[in-house]
PDB file of N, CA and C in Angstrom:
ATOM      1  N   MET A   1     -22.705 -42.083 -52.973  1.00  0.00           N
ATOM      2  CA  MET A   1     -22.035 -43.173 -53.663  1.00  0.00           C
ATOM      3  C   MET A   1     -23.040 -44.150 -54.271  1.00  0.00           C
ATOM      4  N   GLN A   2     -24.311 -43.934 -54.061  1.00  0.00           N
ATOM      5  CA  GLN A   2     -25.310 -44.814 -54.652  1.00  0.00           C
ATOM      6  C   GLN A   2     -25.248 -44.806 -56.171  1.00  0.00           C
ATOM      7  N   THR A   3     -24.827 -43.711 -56.755  1.00  0.00           N
ATOM      8  CA  THR A   3     -24.776 -43.630 -58.209  1.00  0.00           C
ATOM      9  C   THR A   3     -23.615 -44.423 -58.789  1.00  0.00           C
ATOM     10  N   HIS A   4     -22.680 -44.848 -57.969  1.00  0.00           N
ATOM     11  CA  HIS A   4     -21.509 -45.578 -58.439  1.00  0.00           C
ATOM     12  C   HIS A   4     -21.613 -47.066 -58.122  1.00  0.00           C
ATOM     13  N   GLN A   5     -22.830 -47.576 -58.137  1.00  0.00           N
ATOM     14  CA  GLN A   5     -23.034 -48.995 -57.885  1.00  0.00           C
ATOM     15  C   GLN A   5     -23.655 -49.652 -59.110  1.00  0.00           C
ATOM     16  N   VAL A   6     -23.320 -50.907 -59.302  1.00  0.00           N
ATOM     17  CA  VAL A   6     -23.872 -51.663 -60.422  1.00  0.00           C
ATOM     18  C   VAL A   6     -24.430 -52.983 -59.904  1.00  0.00           C
ATOM     19  N   TYR A   7     -25.401 -53.492 -60.626  1.00  0.00           N
ATOM     20  CA  TYR A   7     -25.958 -54.802 -60.319  1.00  0.00           C
ATOM     21  C   TYR A   7     -25.293 -55.830 -61.210  1.00  0.00           C
ATOM     22  N   VAL A   8     -24.794 -56.895 -60.598  1.00  0.00           N
ATOM     23  CA  VAL A   8     -24.126 -57.958 -61.347  1.00  0.00           C
ATOM     24  C   VAL A   8     -25.098 -59.134 -61.458  1.00  0.00           C
ATOM     25  N   THR A   9     -25.393 -59.519 -62.676  1.00  0.00           N
ATOM     26  CA  THR A   9     -26.320 -60.624 -62.908  1.00  0.00           C
ATOM     27  C   THR A   9     -25.768 -61.909 -62.292  1.00  0.00           C
ATOM     28  N   GLY A  10     -26.593 -62.581 -61.542  1.00  0.00           N
ATOM     29  CA  GLY A  10     -26.186 -63.838 -60.922  1.00  0.00           C
ATOM     30  C   GLY A  10     -25.741 -63.684 -59.476  1.00  0.00           C
ATOM     31  N   PHE A  11     -25.606 -62.440 -59.004  1.00  0.00           N
ATOM     32  CA  PHE A  11     -25.209 -62.189 -57.621  1.00  0.00           C
ATOM     33  C   PHE A  11     -26.252 -61.299 -56.965  1.00  0.00           C
ATOM     34  N   ALA A  12     -26.500 -61.540 -55.706  1.00  0.00           N
ATOM     35  CA  ALA A  12     -27.469 -60.722 -54.982  1.00  0.00           C
ATOM     36  C   ALA A  12     -26.809 -59.425 -54.527  1.00  0.00           C
ATOM     37  N   GLY A  13     -27.461 -58.332 -54.792  1.00  0.00           N
ATOM     38  CA  GLY A  13     -26.978 -57.048 -54.305  1.00  0.00           C
ATOM     39  C   GLY A  13     -26.248 -56.236 -55.353  1.00  0.00           C
ATOM     40  N   TYR A  14     -25.833 -55.055 -54.919  1.00  0.00           N
ATOM     41  CA  TYR A  14     -25.118 -54.115 -55.779  1.00  0.00           C
ATOM     42  C   TYR A  14     -23.664 -54.039 -55.351  1.00  0.00           C
ATOM     43  N   PHE A  15     -22.804 -53.741 -56.303  1.00  0.00           N
ATOM     44  CA  PHE A  15     -21.375 -53.671 -56.047  1.00  0.00           C
ATOM     45  C   PHE A  15     -20.822 -52.364 -56.594  1.00  0.00           C
ATOM     46  N   PRO A  16     -19.681 -51.903 -56.082  1.00  0.00           N
ATOM     47  CA  PRO A  16     -19.074 -50.675 -56.620  1.00  0.00           C
ATOM     48  C   PRO A  16     -18.730 -50.852 -58.097  1.00  0.00           C
ATOM     49  N   SER A  17     -18.939 -49.801 -58.861  1.00  0.00           N
ATOM     50  CA  SER A  17     -18.637 -49.857 -60.288  1.00  0.00           C
ATOM     51  C   SER A  17     -17.140 -49.678 -60.527  1.00  0.00           C
ATOM     52  N   ALA A  18     -16.728 -49.897 -61.753  1.00  0.00           N
ATOM     53  CA  ALA A  18     -15.319 -49.712 -62.121  1.00  0.00           C
ATOM     54  C   ALA A  18     -14.901 -48.261 -61.919  1.00  0.00           C
ATOM     55  N   ASN A  19     -15.809 -47.332 -62.160  1.00  0.00           N
ATOM     56  CA  ASN A  19     -15.497 -45.918 -61.950  1.00  0.00           C
ATOM     57  C   ASN A  19     -15.184 -45.615 -60.490  1.00  0.00           C
ATOM     58  N   SER A  20     -15.843 -46.310 -59.577  1.00  0.00           N
ATOM     59  CA  SER A  20     -15.559 -46.117 -58.152  1.00  0.00           C
ATOM     60  C   SER A  20     -14.126 -46.523 -57.824  1.00  0.00           C
ATOM     61  N   TYR A  21     -13.716 -47.652 -58.337  1.00  0.00           N
ATOM     62  CA  TYR A  21     -12.352 -48.106 -58.090  1.00  0.00           C
ATOM     63  C   TYR A  21     -11.333 -47.176 -58.742  1.00  0.00           C
ATOM     64  N   ASN A  22     -11.622 -46.715 -59.950  1.00  0.00           N
ATOM     65  CA  ASN A  22     -10.720 -45.772 -60.616  1.00  0.00           C
ATOM     66  C   ASN A  22     -10.589 -44.487 -59.811  1.00  0.00           C
ATOM     67  N   LEU A  23     -11.699 -43.992 -59.275  1.00  0.00           N
ATOM     68  CA  LEU A  23     -11.667 -42.779 -58.463  1.00  0.00           C
ATOM     69  C   LEU A  23     -10.810 -42.982 -57.213  1.00  0.00           C
ATOM     70  N   ILE A  24     -10.934 -44.125 -56.584  1.00  0.00           N
ATOM     71  CA  ILE A  24     -10.138 -44.423 -55.386  1.00  0.00           C
ATOM     72  C   ILE A  24      -8.649 -44.472 -55.734  1.00  0.00           C
ATOM     73  N   TYR A  25      -8.291 -45.175 -56.796  1.00  0.00           N
ATOM     74  CA  TYR A  25      -6.884 -45.313 -57.172  1.00  0.00           C
ATOM     75  C   TYR A  25      -6.292 -43.992 -57.633  1.00  0.00           C
ATOM     76  N   HIS A  26      -7.049 -43.203 -58.382  1.00  0.00           N
ATOM     77  CA  HIS A  26      -6.547 -41.903 -58.828  1.00  0.00           C
ATOM     78  C   HIS A  26      -6.352 -40.950 -57.654  1.00  0.00           C
ATOM     79  N   THR A  27      -7.289 -40.969 -56.714  1.00  0.00           N
ATOM     80  CA  THR A  27      -7.166 -40.126 -55.528  1.00  0.00           C
ATOM     81  C   THR A  27      -5.949 -40.540 -54.702  1.00  0.00           C
ATOM     82  N   ALA A  28      -5.746 -41.825 -54.509  1.00  0.00           N
ATOM     83  CA  ALA A  28      -4.594 -42.307 -53.745  1.00  0.00           C
ATOM     84  C   ALA A  28      -3.281 -41.937 -54.435  1.00  0.00           C
ATOM     85  N   THR A  29      -3.247 -42.023 -55.751  1.00  0.00           N
ATOM     86  CA  THR A  29      -2.045 -41.667 -56.509  1.00  0.00           C
ATOM     87  C   THR A  29      -1.738 -40.184 -56.363  1.00  0.00           C
ATOM     88  N   ILE A  30      -2.755 -39.354 -56.482  1.00  0.00           N
ATOM     89  CA  ILE A  30      -2.546 -37.912 -56.346  1.00  0.00           C
ATOM     90  C   ILE A  30      -2.049 -37.563 -54.954  1.00  0.00           C
ATOM     91  N   ILE A  31      -2.647 -38.146 -53.932  1.00  0.00           N
ATOM     92  CA  ILE A  31      -2.217 -37.880 -52.552  1.00  0.00           C
ATOM     93  C   ILE A  31      -0.776 -38.339 -52.352  1.00  0.00           C
ATOM     94  N   SER A  32      -0.408 -39.485 -52.899  1.00  0.00           N
ATOM     95  CA  SER A  32       0.960 -39.995 -52.764  1.00  0.00           C
ATOM     96  C   SER A  32       1.970 -39.083 -53.447  1.00  0.00           C
ATOM     97  N   VAL A  33       1.658 -38.657 -54.660  1.00  0.00           N
ATOM     98  CA  VAL A  33       2.582 -37.791 -55.398  1.00  0.00           C
ATOM     99  C   VAL A  33       2.742 -36.456 -54.687  1.00  0.00           C
ATOM    100  N   VAL A  34       1.649 -35.886 -54.220  1.00  0.00           N
ATOM    101  CA  VAL A  34       1.726 -34.608 -53.499  1.00  0.00           C
ATOM    102  C   VAL A  34       2.547 -34.776 -52.227  1.00  0.00           C
ATOM    103  N   SER A  35       2.373 -35.872 -51.516  1.00  0.00           N
ATOM    104  CA  SER A  35       3.140 -36.113 -50.291  1.00  0.00           C
ATOM    105  C   SER A  35       4.635 -36.211 -50.578  1.00  0.00           C
ATOM    106  N   ILE A  36       5.003 -36.913 -51.642  1.00  0.00           N
ATOM    107  CA  ILE A  36       6.420 -37.054 -51.994  1.00  0.00           C
ATOM    108  C   ILE A  36       7.002 -35.710 -52.397  1.00  0.00           C
ATOM    109  N   VAL A  37       6.271 -34.934 -53.180  1.00  0.00           N
ATOM    110  CA  VAL A  37       6.752 -33.615 -53.595  1.00  0.00           C
ATOM    111  C   VAL A  37       6.944 -32.714 -52.379  1.00  0.00           C
ATOM    112  N   LEU A  38       5.990 -32.714 -51.460  1.00  0.00           N
ATOM    113  CA  LEU A  38       6.136 -31.902 -50.252  1.00  0.00           C
ATOM    114  C   LEU A  38       7.308 -32.366 -49.392  1.00  0.00           C
ATOM    115  N   ALA A  39       7.532 -33.664 -49.311  1.00  0.00           N
ATOM    116  CA  ALA A  39       8.667 -34.182 -48.536  1.00  0.00           C
ATOM    117  C   ALA A  39       9.991 -33.729 -49.144  1.00  0.00           C
ATOM    118  N   VAL A  40      10.090 -33.756 -50.463  1.00  0.00           N
ATOM    119  CA  VAL A  40      11.316 -33.306 -51.131  1.00  0.00           C
ATOM    120  C   VAL A  40      11.525 -31.810 -50.908  1.00  0.00           C
ATOM    121  N   ILE A  41      10.456 -31.037 -51.021  1.00  0.00           N
ATOM    122  CA  ILE A  41      10.566 -29.594 -50.792  1.00  0.00           C
ATOM    123  C   ILE A  41      11.024 -29.311 -49.364  1.00  0.00           C
ATOM    124  N   LEU A  42      10.448 -30.003 -48.404  1.00  0.00           N
ATOM    125  CA  LEU A  42      10.860 -29.803 -47.013  1.00  0.00           C
ATOM    126  C   LEU A  42      12.297 -30.255 -46.784  1.00  0.00           C
ATOM    127  N   TRP A  43      12.689 -31.362 -47.411  1.00  0.00           N
ATOM    128  CA  TRP A  43      14.046 -31.873 -47.257  1.00  0.00           C
ATOM    129  C   TRP A  43      15.070 -30.863 -47.762  1.00  0.00           C
ATOM    130  N   ARG A  44      14.757 -30.225 -48.861  1.00  0.00           N
ATOM    131  CA  ARG A  44      15.672 -29.237 -49.437  1.00  0.00           C
ATOM    132  C   ARG A  44      15.682 -27.934 -48.641  1.00  0.00           C
ATOM    133  N   SER A  45      14.625 -27.642 -47.916  1.00  0.00           N
ATOM    134  CA  SER A  45      14.563 -26.383 -47.177  1.00  0.00           C
ATOM    135  C   SER A  45      15.234 -26.466 -45.806  1.00  0.00           C
ATOM    136  N   VAL A  46      15.528 -27.679 -45.330  1.00  0.00           N
ATOM    137  CA  VAL A  46      16.179 -27.850 -44.039  1.00  0.00           C
ATOM    138  C   VAL A  46      17.681 -27.574 -44.208  1.00  0.00           C
ATOM    139  N   PRO A  47      18.278 -26.829 -43.276  1.00  0.00           N
ATOM    140  CA  PRO A  47      19.734 -26.549 -43.370  1.00  0.00           C
ATOM    141  C   PRO A  47      20.551 -27.837 -43.387  1.00  0.00           C
ATOM    142  N   LYS A  48      21.695 -27.795 -44.053  1.00  0.00           N
ATOM    143  CA  LYS A  48      22.518 -28.997 -44.268  1.00  0.00           C
ATOM    144  C   LYS A  48      23.042 -29.593 -42.957  1.00  0.00           C
ATOM    145  N   HIS A  49      23.336 -28.765 -41.962  1.00  0.00           N
ATOM    146  CA  HIS A  49      23.903 -29.305 -40.730  1.00  0.00           C
ATOM    147  C   HIS A  49      22.888 -30.149 -39.957  1.00  0.00           C
ATOM    148  N   ILE A  50      21.605 -29.984 -40.212  1.00  0.00           N
ATOM    149  CA  ILE A  50      20.598 -30.780 -39.529  1.00  0.00           C
ATOM    150  C   ILE A  50      20.496 -32.173 -40.159  1.00  0.00           C
ATOM    151  N   HIS A  51      20.806 -32.307 -41.447  1.00  0.00           N
ATOM    152  CA  HIS A  51      20.758 -33.616 -42.107  1.00  0.00           C
ATOM    153  C   HIS A  51      21.788 -34.577 -41.527  1.00  0.00           C
ATOM    154  N   ALA A  52      22.872 -34.080 -40.983  1.00  0.00           N
ATOM    155  CA  ALA A  52      23.941 -34.926 -40.468  1.00  0.00           C
ATOM    156  C   ALA A  52      23.574 -35.592 -39.164  1.00  0.00           C
ATOM    157  N   VAL A  53      22.551 -35.127 -38.486  1.00  0.00           N
ATOM    158  CA  VAL A  53      22.194 -35.658 -37.164  1.00  0.00           C
ATOM    159  C   VAL A  53      21.480 -36.961 -37.274  1.00  0.00           C
TER     160      VAL A  53
END
């Protein structure tokens, strides 16, 4: 992750770049969408009489 750091003039040290934040948000979005799709698939595969419980 050293390559995804930038130096901000006027502040001491290095900070994560905008690309780092974009990578985090895109990864979280993909994981969320995949989780929802899998939940829907599982919900549809469960027999109807189990949903009533």
